[in-house]
Amino acid sequence: MADATAVAAAASSRDPATGLAAVASLRNLLESLEELQVRNARDQGWSWQQIADGLSVSRQAVHKKYRRHVS
């Protein structure tokens, strides 16, 4: 499922196979977008604390998740 709008609509399907596949696709999209924005923030000089605040998580959580993927 590539089209984000179609995937979002499919997530509310009454067919569990369709709905669960859509949820998995949305989860992958979310993870990609989060990593992209964390990298963007770090490239612009944001601290781990600022990123954590933006994501409503702890600094430790965001640092642990992205320290190896993002400088």
N, C-alpha and C. Protein backbone atom coordinates (compact mmCIF):
# COMPACT_ATOMS: atom_id res chain seq x y z
N MET A 1 0.85 -1.19 0.00
CA MET A 1 0.00 0.00 0.00
C MET A 1 0.89 1.24 0.00
N ALA A 2 0.84 1.98 -1.07
CA ALA A 2 1.75 3.11 -1.20
C ALA A 2 1.09 4.46 -0.96
N ASP A 3 -0.12 4.67 -1.42
CA ASP A 3 -0.79 5.96 -1.29
C ASP A 3 -1.25 6.15 0.16
N ALA A 4 -0.71 7.16 0.83
CA ALA A 4 -1.00 7.39 2.26
C ALA A 4 -2.49 7.59 2.52
N THR A 5 -3.18 8.27 1.62
CA THR A 5 -4.62 8.50 1.81
C THR A 5 -5.39 7.18 1.73
N ALA A 6 -5.03 6.35 0.78
CA ALA A 6 -5.69 5.06 0.63
C ALA A 6 -5.38 4.16 1.83
N VAL A 7 -4.16 4.22 2.30
CA VAL A 7 -3.78 3.41 3.46
C VAL A 7 -4.55 3.86 4.69
N ALA A 8 -4.66 5.16 4.89
CA ALA A 8 -5.41 5.67 6.04
C ALA A 8 -6.87 5.25 5.97
N ALA A 9 -7.46 5.28 4.80
CA ALA A 9 -8.84 4.84 4.64
C ALA A 9 -8.96 3.34 4.90
N ALA A 10 -8.00 2.56 4.42
CA ALA A 10 -8.03 1.12 4.60
C ALA A 10 -7.89 0.72 6.07
N ALA A 11 -7.27 1.57 6.86
CA ALA A 11 -7.07 1.27 8.28
C ALA A 11 -8.39 1.12 9.04
N SER A 12 -9.45 1.69 8.51
CA SER A 12 -10.75 1.57 9.17
C SER A 12 -11.64 0.52 8.52
N SER A 13 -11.04 -0.30 7.66
CA SER A 13 -11.81 -1.35 6.97
C SER A 13 -12.39 -2.35 7.97
N ARG A 14 -13.53 -2.89 7.64
CA ARG A 14 -14.13 -3.93 8.47
C ARG A 14 -13.45 -5.28 8.25
N ASP A 15 -12.67 -5.39 7.17
CA ASP A 15 -11.90 -6.60 6.90
C ASP A 15 -10.60 -6.54 7.70
N PRO A 16 -10.43 -7.41 8.67
CA PRO A 16 -9.23 -7.36 9.51
C PRO A 16 -7.93 -7.47 8.71
N ALA A 17 -7.90 -8.28 7.67
CA ALA A 17 -6.67 -8.42 6.87
C ALA A 17 -6.29 -7.08 6.23
N THR A 18 -7.27 -6.40 5.70
CA THR A 18 -7.04 -5.09 5.08
C THR A 18 -6.65 -4.06 6.14
N GLY A 19 -7.41 -4.02 7.22
CA GLY A 19 -7.15 -3.05 8.28
C GLY A 19 -5.79 -3.22 8.92
N LEU A 20 -5.43 -4.46 9.22
CA LEU A 20 -4.13 -4.71 9.87
C LEU A 20 -2.97 -4.42 8.94
N ALA A 21 -3.12 -4.76 7.66
CA ALA A 21 -2.07 -4.44 6.68
C ALA A 21 -1.90 -2.92 6.58
N ALA A 22 -3.01 -2.20 6.61
CA ALA A 22 -2.94 -0.74 6.55
C ALA A 22 -2.27 -0.17 7.79
N VAL A 23 -2.59 -0.71 8.96
CA VAL A 23 -1.97 -0.24 10.20
C VAL A 23 -0.46 -0.47 10.15
N ALA A 24 -0.03 -1.63 9.65
CA ALA A 24 1.40 -1.91 9.53
C ALA A 24 2.07 -0.92 8.58
N SER A 25 1.41 -0.62 7.47
CA SER A 25 1.95 0.36 6.52
C SER A 25 2.05 1.74 7.14
N LEU A 26 1.02 2.13 7.90
CA LEU A 26 1.06 3.43 8.56
C LEU A 26 2.16 3.49 9.61
N ARG A 27 2.37 2.39 10.33
CA ARG A 27 3.44 2.34 11.33
C ARG A 27 4.80 2.54 10.65
N ASN A 28 5.01 1.88 9.51
CA ASN A 28 6.27 2.04 8.78
C ASN A 28 6.45 3.47 8.29
N LEU A 29 5.37 4.06 7.79
CA LEU A 29 5.42 5.45 7.33
C LEU A 29 5.75 6.38 8.49
N LEU A 30 5.11 6.17 9.62
CA LEU A 30 5.36 7.00 10.80
C LEU A 30 6.82 6.91 11.23
N GLU A 31 7.36 5.71 11.27
CA GLU A 31 8.76 5.53 11.68
C GLU A 31 9.70 6.26 10.72
N SER A 32 9.43 6.17 9.42
CA SER A 32 10.26 6.85 8.43
C SER A 32 10.19 8.36 8.59
N LEU A 33 8.98 8.87 8.77
CA LEU A 33 8.81 10.31 8.93
C LEU A 33 9.46 10.82 10.22
N GLU A 34 9.33 10.04 11.30
CA GLU A 34 9.94 10.44 12.56
C GLU A 34 11.46 10.51 12.41
N GLU A 35 12.06 9.49 11.81
CA GLU A 35 13.51 9.50 11.62
C GLU A 35 13.94 10.68 10.75
N LEU A 36 13.19 10.94 9.69
CA LEU A 36 13.49 12.07 8.82
C LEU A 36 13.49 13.38 9.60
N GLN A 37 12.48 13.58 10.45
CA GLN A 37 12.38 14.84 11.19
C GLN A 37 13.40 14.93 12.33
N VAL A 38 13.74 13.81 12.93
CA VAL A 38 14.80 13.82 13.95
C VAL A 38 16.12 14.20 13.28
N ARG A 39 16.40 13.59 12.14
CA ARG A 39 17.63 13.93 11.40
C ARG A 39 17.62 15.41 11.00
N ASN A 40 16.49 15.91 10.53
CA ASN A 40 16.34 17.31 10.15
C ASN A 40 16.61 18.23 11.35
N ALA A 41 16.03 17.88 12.47
CA ALA A 41 16.23 18.69 13.68
C ALA A 41 17.69 18.69 14.12
N ARG A 42 18.33 17.52 14.12
CA ARG A 42 19.74 17.44 14.52
C ARG A 42 20.61 18.23 13.55
N ASP A 43 20.31 18.14 12.25
CA ASP A 43 21.07 18.89 11.25
C ASP A 43 20.95 20.40 11.47
N GLN A 44 19.84 20.83 12.06
CA GLN A 44 19.63 22.25 12.32
C GLN A 44 20.06 22.65 13.73
N GLY A 45 20.73 21.74 14.42
CA GLY A 45 21.31 22.07 15.72
C GLY A 45 20.42 21.86 16.92
N TRP A 46 19.30 21.21 16.74
CA TRP A 46 18.41 20.95 17.88
C TRP A 46 19.06 19.98 18.85
N SER A 47 18.81 20.19 20.12
CA SER A 47 19.29 19.27 21.14
C SER A 47 18.37 18.06 21.20
N TRP A 48 18.87 16.99 21.82
CA TRP A 48 18.03 15.82 22.02
C TRP A 48 16.82 16.18 22.88
N GLN A 49 16.98 17.09 23.82
CA GLN A 49 15.86 17.49 24.67
C GLN A 49 14.78 18.21 23.86
N GLN A 50 15.18 19.08 22.95
CA GLN A 50 14.20 19.79 22.12
C GLN A 50 13.42 18.80 21.25
N ILE A 51 14.13 17.83 20.69
CA ILE A 51 13.47 16.82 19.86
C ILE A 51 12.51 15.99 20.72
N ALA A 52 12.96 15.59 21.89
CA ALA A 52 12.12 14.81 22.80
C ALA A 52 10.86 15.59 23.16
N ASP A 53 11.01 16.86 23.45
CA ASP A 53 9.85 17.68 23.77
C ASP A 53 8.87 17.72 22.59
N GLY A 54 9.39 17.85 21.38
CA GLY A 54 8.55 17.88 20.19
C GLY A 54 7.80 16.58 19.96
N LEU A 55 8.41 15.48 20.37
CA LEU A 55 7.79 14.17 20.20
C LEU A 55 7.02 13.71 21.43
N SER A 56 7.07 14.50 22.49
CA SER A 56 6.41 14.16 23.76
C SER A 56 6.91 12.84 24.33
N VAL A 57 8.23 12.68 24.29
CA VAL A 57 8.89 11.52 24.89
C VAL A 57 10.06 12.03 25.72
N SER A 58 10.71 11.13 26.44
CA SER A 58 11.87 11.55 27.22
C SER A 58 13.09 11.72 26.31
N ARG A 59 14.02 12.53 26.77
CA ARG A 59 15.27 12.71 26.04
C ARG A 59 15.99 11.38 25.89
N GLN A 60 15.97 10.60 26.95
CA GLN A 60 16.64 9.31 26.92
C GLN A 60 16.03 8.39 25.86
N ALA A 61 14.71 8.41 25.73
CA ALA A 61 14.04 7.54 24.75
C ALA A 61 14.42 7.91 23.32
N VAL A 62 14.38 9.19 23.00
CA VAL A 62 14.69 9.61 21.64
C VAL A 62 16.18 9.42 21.35
N HIS A 63 17.03 9.69 22.32
CA HIS A 63 18.47 9.51 22.12
C HIS A 63 18.79 8.04 21.91
N LYS A 64 18.22 7.18 22.72
CA LYS A 64 18.46 5.74 22.59
C LYS A 64 18.02 5.23 21.21
N LYS A 65 16.87 5.71 20.75
CA LYS A 65 16.32 5.23 19.49
C LYS A 65 17.11 5.69 18.28
N TYR A 66 17.65 6.93 18.34
CA TYR A 66 18.24 7.53 17.14
C TYR A 66 19.73 7.84 17.22
N ARG A 67 20.38 7.64 18.34
CA ARG A 67 21.78 8.05 18.46
C ARG A 67 22.70 7.42 17.42
N ARG A 68 22.40 6.21 17.00
CA ARG A 68 23.26 5.53 16.02
C ARG A 68 22.89 5.90 14.58
N HIS A 69 21.69 6.38 14.38
CA HIS A 69 21.21 6.69 13.02
C HIS A 69 21.38 8.16 12.67
N VAL A 70 21.45 9.00 13.70
CA VAL A 70 21.49 10.44 13.48
C VAL A 70 22.61 11.01 14.32
N SER A 71 23.36 11.93 13.75
CA SER A 71 24.48 12.52 14.50
C SER A 71 23.99 13.49 15.57
